[in-house]
């Protein structure tokens, strides 16, 4: 089977996966929609510190799900455009945007097709938590980021550390390679990462990308590293066998040593680009 046909299967399966997640996520305590609708900013410390003051800046949020984070950036004064592969997620994001009286824009698109579905460039491009694992090719991902950044603009990602993704979160045993082999991993699972989604049957394809893969994809496009951080805890409690070691800080497993849980990376497009 040709690569393009394989990718169509991957993305169709994952699109269906994320369409199914939207409603249980909206109803979950994890996303705490009543608090969000009442004005709570759900962006974590790593993300808020990483992007800094966004007031008056244009911001493209890649793989935005149903727009909760996107709309938090809009509340902080950014001119936000969110993009996601899930039609159900984008429909919900638009509904929430109208309900809150905000002016964010949302585009339904596979990230690799975004050039055909969105015009313009942005001061900031942003993505966070569980995004690159859904992409087979980071060179194309970096090309999209470079394309949509204005000269002098910055891209920021906060995500789970690829070293954490080598574990089976249920058994706490190493189950996946750290380095991307190019082959997709396939799982059929019951439930998403939130409460209230236990009866949702999901199929998914995913890939693990090393830090080397992530950095090199961005560097090859001429993007310049501004900041890089690693964390021995996660701000997000979405995996089995995590425990809260401090308010809002979660650690996976019973290993007795500090493991990398998250990283953040900021790069900048040179002014002459």
Protein backbone atom coordinates (compact mmCIF):
# COMPACT_ATOMS: atom_id res chain seq x y z
CA UNK A 1 0.00 0.00 0.00
CA UNK A 2 1.34 3.43 -0.91
CA UNK A 3 2.36 5.78 1.85
CA UNK A 4 -0.34 8.31 0.96
CA UNK A 5 -3.04 5.64 1.21
CA UNK A 6 -1.65 4.47 4.53
CA UNK A 7 -1.72 8.01 5.86
CA UNK A 8 -5.32 8.43 4.76
CA UNK A 9 -6.20 5.40 6.89
CA UNK A 10 -4.18 6.75 9.83
CA UNK A 11 -5.79 10.17 9.73
CA UNK A 12 -9.32 8.94 9.04
CA UNK A 13 -9.05 6.63 12.05
CA UNK A 14 -7.63 9.35 14.29
CA UNK A 15 -10.19 11.90 13.11
CA UNK A 16 -12.97 9.49 14.08
CA UNK A 17 -11.19 8.93 17.39
CA UNK A 18 -11.17 12.65 18.22
CA UNK A 19 -14.73 13.18 17.00
CA UNK A 20 -15.82 10.57 19.54
CA UNK A 21 -13.87 12.18 22.38
CA UNK A 22 -15.51 15.60 22.19
CA UNK A 23 -18.77 15.00 24.06
CA UNK A 24 -17.34 12.93 26.95
CA UNK A 25 -14.54 15.48 27.30
CA UNK A 26 -17.05 18.32 27.52
CA UNK A 27 -18.91 16.46 30.27
CA UNK A 28 -15.79 15.49 32.25
CA UNK A 29 -14.42 16.93 35.45
CA UNK A 30 -11.03 16.92 33.73
CA UNK A 31 -12.01 19.83 31.46
CA UNK A 32 -14.26 21.44 34.11
CA UNK A 33 -16.42 23.31 31.64
CA UNK A 34 -18.57 25.12 34.25
CA UNK A 35 -15.47 26.76 35.71
CA UNK A 36 -14.07 27.54 32.26
CA UNK A 37 -17.33 29.12 31.11
CA UNK A 38 -17.38 31.17 34.32
CA UNK A 39 -13.98 32.64 33.45
CA UNK A 40 -11.34 30.22 34.73
CA UNK A 41 -8.06 30.28 32.80
CA UNK A 42 -7.14 26.62 32.30
CA UNK A 43 -3.72 27.25 30.76
CA UNK A 44 -0.98 25.80 32.94
CA UNK A 45 2.02 27.59 34.39
CA UNK A 46 4.43 26.19 31.82
CA UNK A 47 2.34 27.43 28.92
CA UNK A 48 1.53 30.85 30.38
CA UNK A 49 5.16 31.52 31.24
CA UNK A 50 6.33 30.13 27.94
CA UNK A 51 4.30 32.41 25.70
CA UNK A 52 4.18 35.40 28.01
CA UNK A 53 2.07 38.45 27.16
CA UNK A 54 -0.09 37.67 24.12
CA UNK A 55 -2.27 40.79 24.21
CA UNK A 56 -2.70 42.22 20.73
CA UNK A 57 -0.74 39.42 19.06
CA UNK A 58 -1.99 37.04 16.39
CA UNK A 59 -1.81 33.41 17.52
CA UNK A 60 -2.30 30.16 15.61
CA UNK A 61 -3.15 27.17 17.83
CA UNK A 62 -2.36 23.87 16.10
CA UNK A 63 -4.33 20.75 17.10
CA UNK A 64 -6.59 22.86 19.29
CA UNK A 65 -9.21 20.16 20.14
CA UNK A 66 -12.50 21.93 21.03
CA UNK A 67 -10.80 25.25 21.64
CA UNK A 68 -10.67 25.56 25.41
CA UNK A 69 -7.04 26.68 25.45
CA UNK A 70 -7.53 28.77 22.31
CA UNK A 71 -10.34 30.68 23.96
CA UNK A 72 -8.24 31.25 27.07
CA UNK A 73 -5.65 32.94 24.85
CA UNK A 74 -8.44 35.02 23.29
CA UNK A 75 -9.53 36.11 26.77
CA UNK A 76 -5.94 37.26 27.33
CA UNK A 77 -6.16 39.52 24.30
CA UNK A 78 -4.70 37.40 21.51
CA UNK A 79 -6.23 37.32 18.03
CA UNK A 80 -6.65 33.57 17.89
CA UNK A 81 -7.08 31.06 15.10
CA UNK A 82 -7.41 27.41 16.10
CA UNK A 83 -7.04 24.43 13.78
CA UNK A 84 -7.95 20.78 14.35
CA UNK A 85 -8.65 17.64 12.31
CA UNK A 86 -11.89 16.88 14.18
CA UNK A 87 -15.03 18.38 12.72
CA UNK A 88 -16.92 17.79 15.98
CA UNK A 89 -14.20 19.60 17.92
CA UNK A 90 -14.20 22.60 15.58
CA UNK A 91 -18.01 22.79 15.63
CA UNK A 92 -17.89 22.86 19.43
CA UNK A 93 -15.10 25.44 19.48
CA UNK A 94 -17.14 27.77 17.30
CA UNK A 95 -20.18 27.32 19.53
CA UNK A 96 -18.15 28.11 22.65
CA UNK A 97 -16.61 31.13 20.96
CA UNK A 98 -20.07 32.52 20.18
CA UNK A 99 -21.40 31.70 23.64
CA UNK A 100 -18.51 33.57 25.27
CA UNK A 101 -18.70 36.53 22.90
CA UNK A 102 -15.12 36.14 21.73
CA UNK A 103 -13.71 36.62 18.23
CA UNK A 104 -11.52 33.54 17.73
CA UNK A 105 -11.58 31.75 14.39
CA UNK A 106 -11.54 27.97 13.97
CA UNK A 107 -10.53 25.90 10.95
CA UNK A 108 -11.18 22.19 10.41
CA UNK A 109 -8.06 20.78 8.79
CA UNK A 110 -5.48 18.06 8.97
CA UNK A 111 -2.37 19.95 10.03
CA UNK A 112 -0.54 18.81 6.89
CA UNK A 113 -3.30 20.38 4.74
CA UNK A 114 -3.42 23.68 6.58
CA UNK A 115 -1.72 25.73 3.86
CA UNK A 116 -4.69 24.97 1.59
CA UNK A 117 -7.23 25.91 4.26
CA UNK A 118 -5.78 28.99 5.96
CA UNK A 119 -4.14 32.22 4.79
CA UNK A 120 -1.84 34.62 6.58
CA UNK A 121 1.02 34.60 9.06
CA UNK A 122 1.04 34.91 12.83
CA UNK A 123 3.12 36.44 15.61
CA UNK A 124 2.83 33.20 17.57
CA UNK A 125 2.24 29.55 16.74
CA UNK A 126 1.34 27.31 19.68
CA UNK A 127 0.62 23.67 20.44
CA UNK A 128 0.52 21.65 23.64
CA UNK A 129 0.12 18.27 25.34
CA UNK A 130 -0.29 15.20 23.21
CA UNK A 131 0.15 16.67 19.73
CA UNK A 132 3.26 15.38 17.92
CA UNK A 133 2.37 11.75 18.76
CA UNK A 134 -0.45 11.96 16.18
CA UNK A 135 1.90 13.00 13.36
CA UNK A 136 4.00 10.56 11.31
CA UNK A 137 6.38 13.17 9.85
CA UNK A 138 7.80 16.09 11.83
CA UNK A 139 9.57 17.64 8.84
CA UNK A 140 6.18 18.48 7.33
CA UNK A 141 5.01 19.67 10.76
CA UNK A 142 7.99 22.05 11.02
CA UNK A 143 7.33 23.29 7.47
CA UNK A 144 3.78 24.25 8.49
CA UNK A 145 5.07 26.08 11.56
CA UNK A 146 7.68 27.96 9.50
CA UNK A 147 5.11 28.84 6.82
CA UNK A 148 2.63 30.40 9.26
CA UNK A 149 5.14 32.31 11.39
CA UNK A 150 5.83 35.94 10.60
CA UNK A 151 9.53 36.86 10.41
CA UNK A 152 10.51 37.36 14.03
CA UNK A 153 7.55 35.28 15.20
CA UNK A 154 7.85 32.52 17.78
CA UNK A 155 6.65 28.94 18.02
CA UNK A 156 6.07 27.43 21.48
CA UNK A 157 5.31 23.84 22.38
CA UNK A 158 4.74 22.30 25.81
CA UNK A 159 4.26 18.56 25.63
CA UNK A 160 4.79 15.26 27.36
CA UNK A 161 8.41 14.20 27.20
CA UNK A 162 9.07 11.51 24.58
CA UNK A 163 10.97 9.52 27.22
CA UNK A 164 7.68 9.15 29.10
CA UNK A 165 6.01 7.71 26.03
CA UNK A 166 8.20 4.60 26.08
CA UNK A 167 6.08 3.24 28.97
CA UNK A 168 2.88 1.27 28.98
CA UNK A 169 1.10 3.46 31.52
CA UNK A 170 -0.96 0.59 32.89
CA UNK A 171 1.88 -1.88 33.51
CA UNK A 172 4.63 0.73 34.10
CA UNK A 173 6.88 -1.35 31.83
CA UNK A 174 8.82 -0.14 28.81
CA UNK A 175 6.71 -1.00 25.77
CA UNK A 176 7.65 1.43 22.98
CA UNK A 177 10.92 2.62 21.41
CA UNK A 178 12.20 6.09 22.17
CA UNK A 179 13.35 6.62 18.59
CA UNK A 180 10.82 6.89 15.77
CA UNK A 181 11.09 3.87 13.47
CA UNK A 182 8.68 5.37 10.95
CA UNK A 183 6.10 2.69 11.68
CA UNK A 184 2.78 3.59 13.26
CA UNK A 185 1.64 2.03 16.52
CA UNK A 186 -1.98 0.92 16.59
CA UNK A 187 -4.23 0.52 19.62
CA UNK A 188 -7.87 -0.27 20.21
CA UNK A 189 -8.87 1.08 23.61
CA UNK A 190 -11.93 1.59 25.77
CA UNK A 191 -12.12 5.14 27.03
CA UNK A 192 -10.22 8.38 26.65
CA UNK A 193 -8.00 10.04 29.24
CA UNK A 194 -10.88 11.80 31.02
CA UNK A 195 -13.44 10.66 33.54
CA UNK A 196 -16.81 9.75 32.04
CA UNK A 197 -15.36 8.35 28.82
CA UNK A 198 -15.06 4.71 29.88
CA UNK A 199 -17.68 3.47 27.42
CA UNK A 200 -16.15 5.14 24.37
CA UNK A 201 -14.46 2.63 22.05
CA UNK A 202 -11.51 4.14 20.20
CA UNK A 203 -9.01 3.12 17.56
CA UNK A 204 -5.84 5.14 17.14
CA UNK A 205 -2.51 5.32 15.34
CA UNK A 206 0.39 7.15 16.95
CA UNK A 207 4.15 7.73 16.74
CA UNK A 208 6.85 8.58 19.27
CA UNK A 209 9.40 11.23 18.28
CA UNK A 210 12.66 11.71 20.15
CA UNK A 211 13.85 15.15 21.20
CA UNK A 212 16.39 14.84 18.40
CA UNK A 213 13.56 14.41 15.86
CA UNK A 214 11.70 17.41 17.27
CA UNK A 215 14.69 19.75 17.40
CA UNK A 216 16.12 18.76 14.03
CA UNK A 217 12.81 19.19 12.21
CA UNK A 218 12.59 22.78 13.47
CA UNK A 219 16.29 23.59 13.05
CA UNK A 220 16.29 22.38 9.44
CA UNK A 221 13.71 25.07 8.68
CA UNK A 222 16.08 27.71 10.05
CA UNK A 223 14.16 28.30 13.27
CA UNK A 224 16.35 29.41 16.16
CA UNK A 225 16.10 28.04 19.69
CA UNK A 226 15.10 30.65 22.26
CA UNK A 227 14.41 28.43 25.28
CA UNK A 228 14.20 24.77 26.23
CA UNK A 229 13.07 23.27 29.55
CA UNK A 230 12.52 19.76 30.93
CA UNK A 231 10.34 18.90 33.92
CA UNK A 232 10.29 15.91 36.27
CA UNK A 233 6.52 16.24 36.74
CA UNK A 234 3.46 16.85 34.60
CA UNK A 235 0.87 19.57 34.98
CA UNK A 236 -1.70 17.24 33.45
CA UNK A 237 -3.21 14.23 35.22
CA UNK A 238 -4.24 12.16 32.21
CA UNK A 239 -2.33 8.87 32.49
CA UNK A 240 -2.88 5.82 34.72
CA UNK A 241 -0.59 5.42 37.74
CA UNK A 242 0.01 9.11 38.31
CA UNK A 243 0.04 10.67 41.76
CA UNK A 244 -0.07 14.31 42.82
CA UNK A 245 3.19 15.21 44.57
CA UNK A 246 2.41 18.93 44.89
CA UNK A 247 -0.61 21.03 43.93
CA UNK A 248 -1.06 20.65 40.17
CA UNK A 249 2.08 18.51 39.76
CA UNK A 250 1.77 14.82 38.89
CA UNK A 251 4.36 12.04 38.72
CA UNK A 252 4.00 8.75 36.89
CA UNK A 253 4.93 5.36 38.33
CA UNK A 254 6.66 3.94 41.37
CA UNK A 255 10.26 4.15 40.20
CA UNK A 256 11.78 6.09 43.09
CA UNK A 257 13.81 8.32 40.74
CA UNK A 258 12.97 11.48 38.87
CA UNK A 259 11.88 10.86 35.27
CA UNK A 260 11.36 13.44 32.54
CA UNK A 261 7.62 14.10 32.24
CA UNK A 262 7.29 17.27 30.18
CA UNK A 263 9.37 19.56 28.05
CA UNK A 264 8.84 23.01 26.60
CA UNK A 265 10.55 24.53 23.60
CA UNK A 266 10.43 28.00 22.09
CA UNK A 267 11.94 28.80 18.70
CA UNK A 268 11.97 31.96 16.62
CA UNK A 269 11.82 32.63 12.89
CA UNK A 270 14.65 34.96 11.86
CA UNK A 271 13.63 38.45 10.80
CA UNK A 272 15.17 38.04 7.37
CA UNK A 273 13.05 34.95 6.56
